[in-house]
Amino acid sequence: MKIEYFPDTDSLYIDLADRPGADTREIEEGIVLDVDEHGRAVGLDIDQASKHLSLRTLNLNRLPFAVEQTA
């Protein structure tokens, strides 16, 4: 999984799977789910992310893998 924030557009993309997206589904205004050819989630795109969630902190708890930190 990869989370990437784009400050110039205030959008946040959460890459959920290493598969190509084939379709999109708008969950609510500004929040779009990318799905593969079988309808399985591969990514989540949040436009105007700072209006939908707090971008000040990210809490990662009880993950079954090492956390790679980048800035």
N, C-alpha and C. Protein backbone atom coordinates (compact mmCIF):
# COMPACT_ATOMS: atom_id res chain seq x y z
N MET A 1 0.85 -1.16 0.00
CA MET A 1 0.00 0.00 0.00
C MET A 1 0.90 1.23 0.00
N LYS A 2 0.46 2.24 -0.73
CA LYS A 2 1.21 3.49 -0.80
C LYS A 2 0.21 4.64 -0.67
N ILE A 3 0.57 5.63 0.13
CA ILE A 3 -0.26 6.82 0.30
C ILE A 3 0.55 8.00 -0.20
N GLU A 4 -0.04 8.78 -1.08
CA GLU A 4 0.67 9.92 -1.65
C GLU A 4 -0.24 11.15 -1.65
N TYR A 5 0.32 12.27 -1.17
CA TYR A 5 -0.42 13.53 -1.12
C TYR A 5 0.16 14.49 -2.15
N PHE A 6 -0.71 15.17 -2.86
CA PHE A 6 -0.31 16.14 -3.88
C PHE A 6 -0.78 17.52 -3.43
N PRO A 7 0.12 18.32 -2.83
CA PRO A 7 -0.30 19.61 -2.26
C PRO A 7 -0.80 20.61 -3.30
N ASP A 8 -0.30 20.55 -4.52
CA ASP A 8 -0.73 21.52 -5.53
C ASP A 8 -2.20 21.36 -5.89
N THR A 9 -2.76 20.15 -5.73
CA THR A 9 -4.17 19.92 -6.02
C THR A 9 -4.96 19.54 -4.76
N ASP A 10 -4.28 19.48 -3.61
CA ASP A 10 -4.89 19.06 -2.34
C ASP A 10 -5.63 17.74 -2.51
N SER A 11 -4.95 16.78 -3.15
CA SER A 11 -5.55 15.45 -3.33
C SER A 11 -4.66 14.39 -2.70
N LEU A 12 -5.31 13.34 -2.24
CA LEU A 12 -4.62 12.23 -1.58
C LEU A 12 -4.98 10.96 -2.34
N TYR A 13 -3.97 10.16 -2.68
CA TYR A 13 -4.25 8.90 -3.36
C TYR A 13 -3.71 7.76 -2.51
N ILE A 14 -4.55 6.78 -2.24
CA ILE A 14 -4.16 5.59 -1.50
C ILE A 14 -4.17 4.43 -2.50
N ASP A 15 -2.98 3.94 -2.80
CA ASP A 15 -2.81 2.82 -3.72
C ASP A 15 -2.95 1.54 -2.91
N LEU A 16 -4.02 0.80 -3.13
CA LEU A 16 -4.34 -0.38 -2.33
C LEU A 16 -3.79 -1.69 -2.88
N ALA A 17 -3.57 -1.76 -4.17
CA ALA A 17 -3.14 -3.02 -4.79
C ALA A 17 -2.28 -2.73 -6.01
N ASP A 18 -1.45 -3.67 -6.33
CA ASP A 18 -0.57 -3.54 -7.49
C ASP A 18 -1.23 -4.16 -8.72
N ARG A 19 -2.45 -3.65 -9.00
CA ARG A 19 -3.19 -4.09 -10.18
C ARG A 19 -3.70 -2.84 -10.88
N PRO A 20 -3.84 -2.88 -12.18
CA PRO A 20 -4.34 -1.70 -12.88
C PRO A 20 -5.83 -1.48 -12.62
N GLY A 21 -6.21 -0.22 -12.57
CA GLY A 21 -7.62 0.13 -12.44
C GLY A 21 -8.31 0.02 -13.79
N ALA A 22 -9.55 -0.42 -13.77
CA ALA A 22 -10.33 -0.56 -14.99
C ALA A 22 -11.56 0.33 -14.99
N ASP A 23 -11.97 0.78 -13.79
CA ASP A 23 -13.19 1.59 -13.68
C ASP A 23 -13.09 2.42 -12.40
N THR A 24 -13.94 3.42 -12.29
CA THR A 24 -14.01 4.23 -11.08
C THR A 24 -15.44 4.29 -10.58
N ARG A 25 -15.57 4.46 -9.27
CA ARG A 25 -16.89 4.58 -8.65
C ARG A 25 -16.82 5.74 -7.66
N GLU A 26 -17.64 6.74 -7.87
CA GLU A 26 -17.66 7.86 -6.95
C GLU A 26 -18.45 7.46 -5.70
N ILE A 27 -17.79 7.44 -4.57
CA ILE A 27 -18.41 7.05 -3.31
C ILE A 27 -19.24 8.20 -2.76
N GLU A 28 -18.65 9.38 -2.80
CA GLU A 28 -19.35 10.63 -2.48
C GLU A 28 -18.60 11.72 -3.21
N GLU A 29 -19.13 12.92 -3.21
CA GLU A 29 -18.51 13.98 -3.98
C GLU A 29 -17.04 14.16 -3.58
N GLY A 30 -16.14 14.01 -4.55
CA GLY A 30 -14.71 14.19 -4.32
C GLY A 30 -13.97 12.96 -3.84
N ILE A 31 -14.67 11.86 -3.64
CA ILE A 31 -14.01 10.62 -3.21
C ILE A 31 -14.34 9.53 -4.22
N VAL A 32 -13.29 9.04 -4.89
CA VAL A 32 -13.46 8.09 -5.99
C VAL A 32 -12.69 6.80 -5.69
N LEU A 33 -13.35 5.68 -5.86
CA LEU A 33 -12.75 4.36 -5.70
C LEU A 33 -12.36 3.82 -7.07
N ASP A 34 -11.10 3.45 -7.24
CA ASP A 34 -10.66 2.78 -8.46
C ASP A 34 -10.77 1.28 -8.26
N VAL A 35 -11.35 0.59 -9.23
CA VAL A 35 -11.52 -0.87 -9.14
C VAL A 35 -10.89 -1.53 -10.36
N ASP A 36 -10.52 -2.79 -10.19
CA ASP A 36 -9.95 -3.55 -11.31
C ASP A 36 -11.07 -4.16 -12.16
N GLU A 37 -10.71 -4.96 -13.11
CA GLU A 37 -11.70 -5.55 -14.03
C GLU A 37 -12.69 -6.48 -13.34
N HIS A 38 -12.36 -6.93 -12.11
CA HIS A 38 -13.26 -7.82 -11.36
C HIS A 38 -14.05 -7.06 -10.29
N GLY A 39 -13.91 -5.73 -10.27
CA GLY A 39 -14.64 -4.92 -9.30
C GLY A 39 -13.97 -4.83 -7.95
N ARG A 40 -12.72 -5.30 -7.83
CA ARG A 40 -11.99 -5.23 -6.56
C ARG A 40 -11.26 -3.90 -6.44
N ALA A 41 -11.26 -3.33 -5.26
CA ALA A 41 -10.64 -2.03 -5.02
C ALA A 41 -9.14 -2.07 -5.26
N VAL A 42 -8.64 -1.07 -5.99
CA VAL A 42 -7.19 -0.94 -6.22
C VAL A 42 -6.66 0.41 -5.75
N GLY A 43 -7.54 1.39 -5.55
CA GLY A 43 -7.09 2.70 -5.11
C GLY A 43 -8.23 3.59 -4.70
N LEU A 44 -7.88 4.61 -3.94
CA LEU A 44 -8.86 5.57 -3.46
C LEU A 44 -8.29 6.96 -3.68
N ASP A 45 -9.03 7.80 -4.38
CA ASP A 45 -8.61 9.16 -4.70
C ASP A 45 -9.52 10.14 -3.95
N ILE A 46 -8.91 11.02 -3.15
CA ILE A 46 -9.67 11.98 -2.36
C ILE A 46 -9.29 13.39 -2.81
N ASP A 47 -10.19 14.04 -3.52
CA ASP A 47 -9.99 15.43 -3.93
C ASP A 47 -10.31 16.34 -2.76
N GLN A 48 -9.62 17.48 -2.69
CA GLN A 48 -9.76 18.42 -1.57
C GLN A 48 -9.63 17.67 -0.25
N ALA A 49 -8.56 16.90 -0.15
CA ALA A 49 -8.34 16.01 0.98
C ALA A 49 -8.38 16.73 2.32
N SER A 50 -7.83 17.94 2.39
CA SER A 50 -7.80 18.66 3.67
C SER A 50 -9.19 19.02 4.16
N LYS A 51 -10.19 19.00 3.30
CA LYS A 51 -11.56 19.27 3.71
C LYS A 51 -12.27 18.00 4.20
N HIS A 52 -11.76 16.83 3.79
CA HIS A 52 -12.39 15.56 4.17
C HIS A 52 -11.75 14.92 5.40
N LEU A 53 -10.47 15.20 5.65
CA LEU A 53 -9.77 14.54 6.75
C LEU A 53 -8.60 15.39 7.23
N SER A 54 -8.09 15.04 8.39
CA SER A 54 -6.95 15.76 8.94
C SER A 54 -5.67 15.21 8.31
N LEU A 55 -4.86 16.12 7.79
CA LEU A 55 -3.59 15.71 7.17
C LEU A 55 -2.41 15.96 8.09
N ARG A 56 -2.67 16.24 9.36
CA ARG A 56 -1.61 16.56 10.30
C ARG A 56 -0.91 15.33 10.85
N THR A 57 -1.64 14.23 11.01
CA THR A 57 -1.04 13.01 11.58
C THR A 57 -1.54 11.77 10.84
N LEU A 58 -0.74 10.73 10.93
CA LEU A 58 -1.11 9.43 10.39
C LEU A 58 -0.71 8.40 11.44
N ASN A 59 -1.69 7.73 12.02
CA ASN A 59 -1.42 6.72 13.04
C ASN A 59 -1.43 5.33 12.41
N LEU A 60 -0.35 4.62 12.61
CA LEU A 60 -0.22 3.25 12.10
C LEU A 60 -0.05 2.32 13.30
N ASN A 61 -1.06 1.53 13.57
CA ASN A 61 -1.04 0.66 14.75
C ASN A 61 -1.21 -0.79 14.35
N ARG A 62 -0.43 -1.65 14.99
CA ARG A 62 -0.57 -3.10 14.87
C ARG A 62 -0.48 -3.61 13.44
N LEU A 63 0.37 -2.99 12.64
CA LEU A 63 0.55 -3.46 11.27
C LEU A 63 1.47 -4.68 11.27
N PRO A 64 1.17 -5.67 10.45
CA PRO A 64 1.96 -6.90 10.45
C PRO A 64 3.22 -6.80 9.58
N PHE A 65 3.80 -5.61 9.49
CA PHE A 65 5.00 -5.40 8.67
C PHE A 65 5.72 -4.16 9.15
N ALA A 66 6.96 -4.02 8.72
CA ALA A 66 7.75 -2.84 9.06
C ALA A 66 7.20 -1.63 8.30
N VAL A 67 7.23 -0.49 8.93
CA VAL A 67 6.73 0.74 8.32
C VAL A 67 7.91 1.52 7.77
N GLU A 68 7.85 1.81 6.47
CA GLU A 68 8.88 2.62 5.82
C GLU A 68 8.44 4.06 5.89
N GLN A 69 9.29 4.91 6.44
CA GLN A 69 8.91 6.31 6.60
C GLN A 69 9.65 7.15 5.58
N THR A 70 8.91 7.95 4.84
CA THR A 70 9.50 8.88 3.89
C THR A 70 8.88 10.24 4.07
N ALA A 71 9.57 11.23 3.61
CA ALA A 71 9.02 12.59 3.72
C ALA A 71 9.08 13.28 2.39
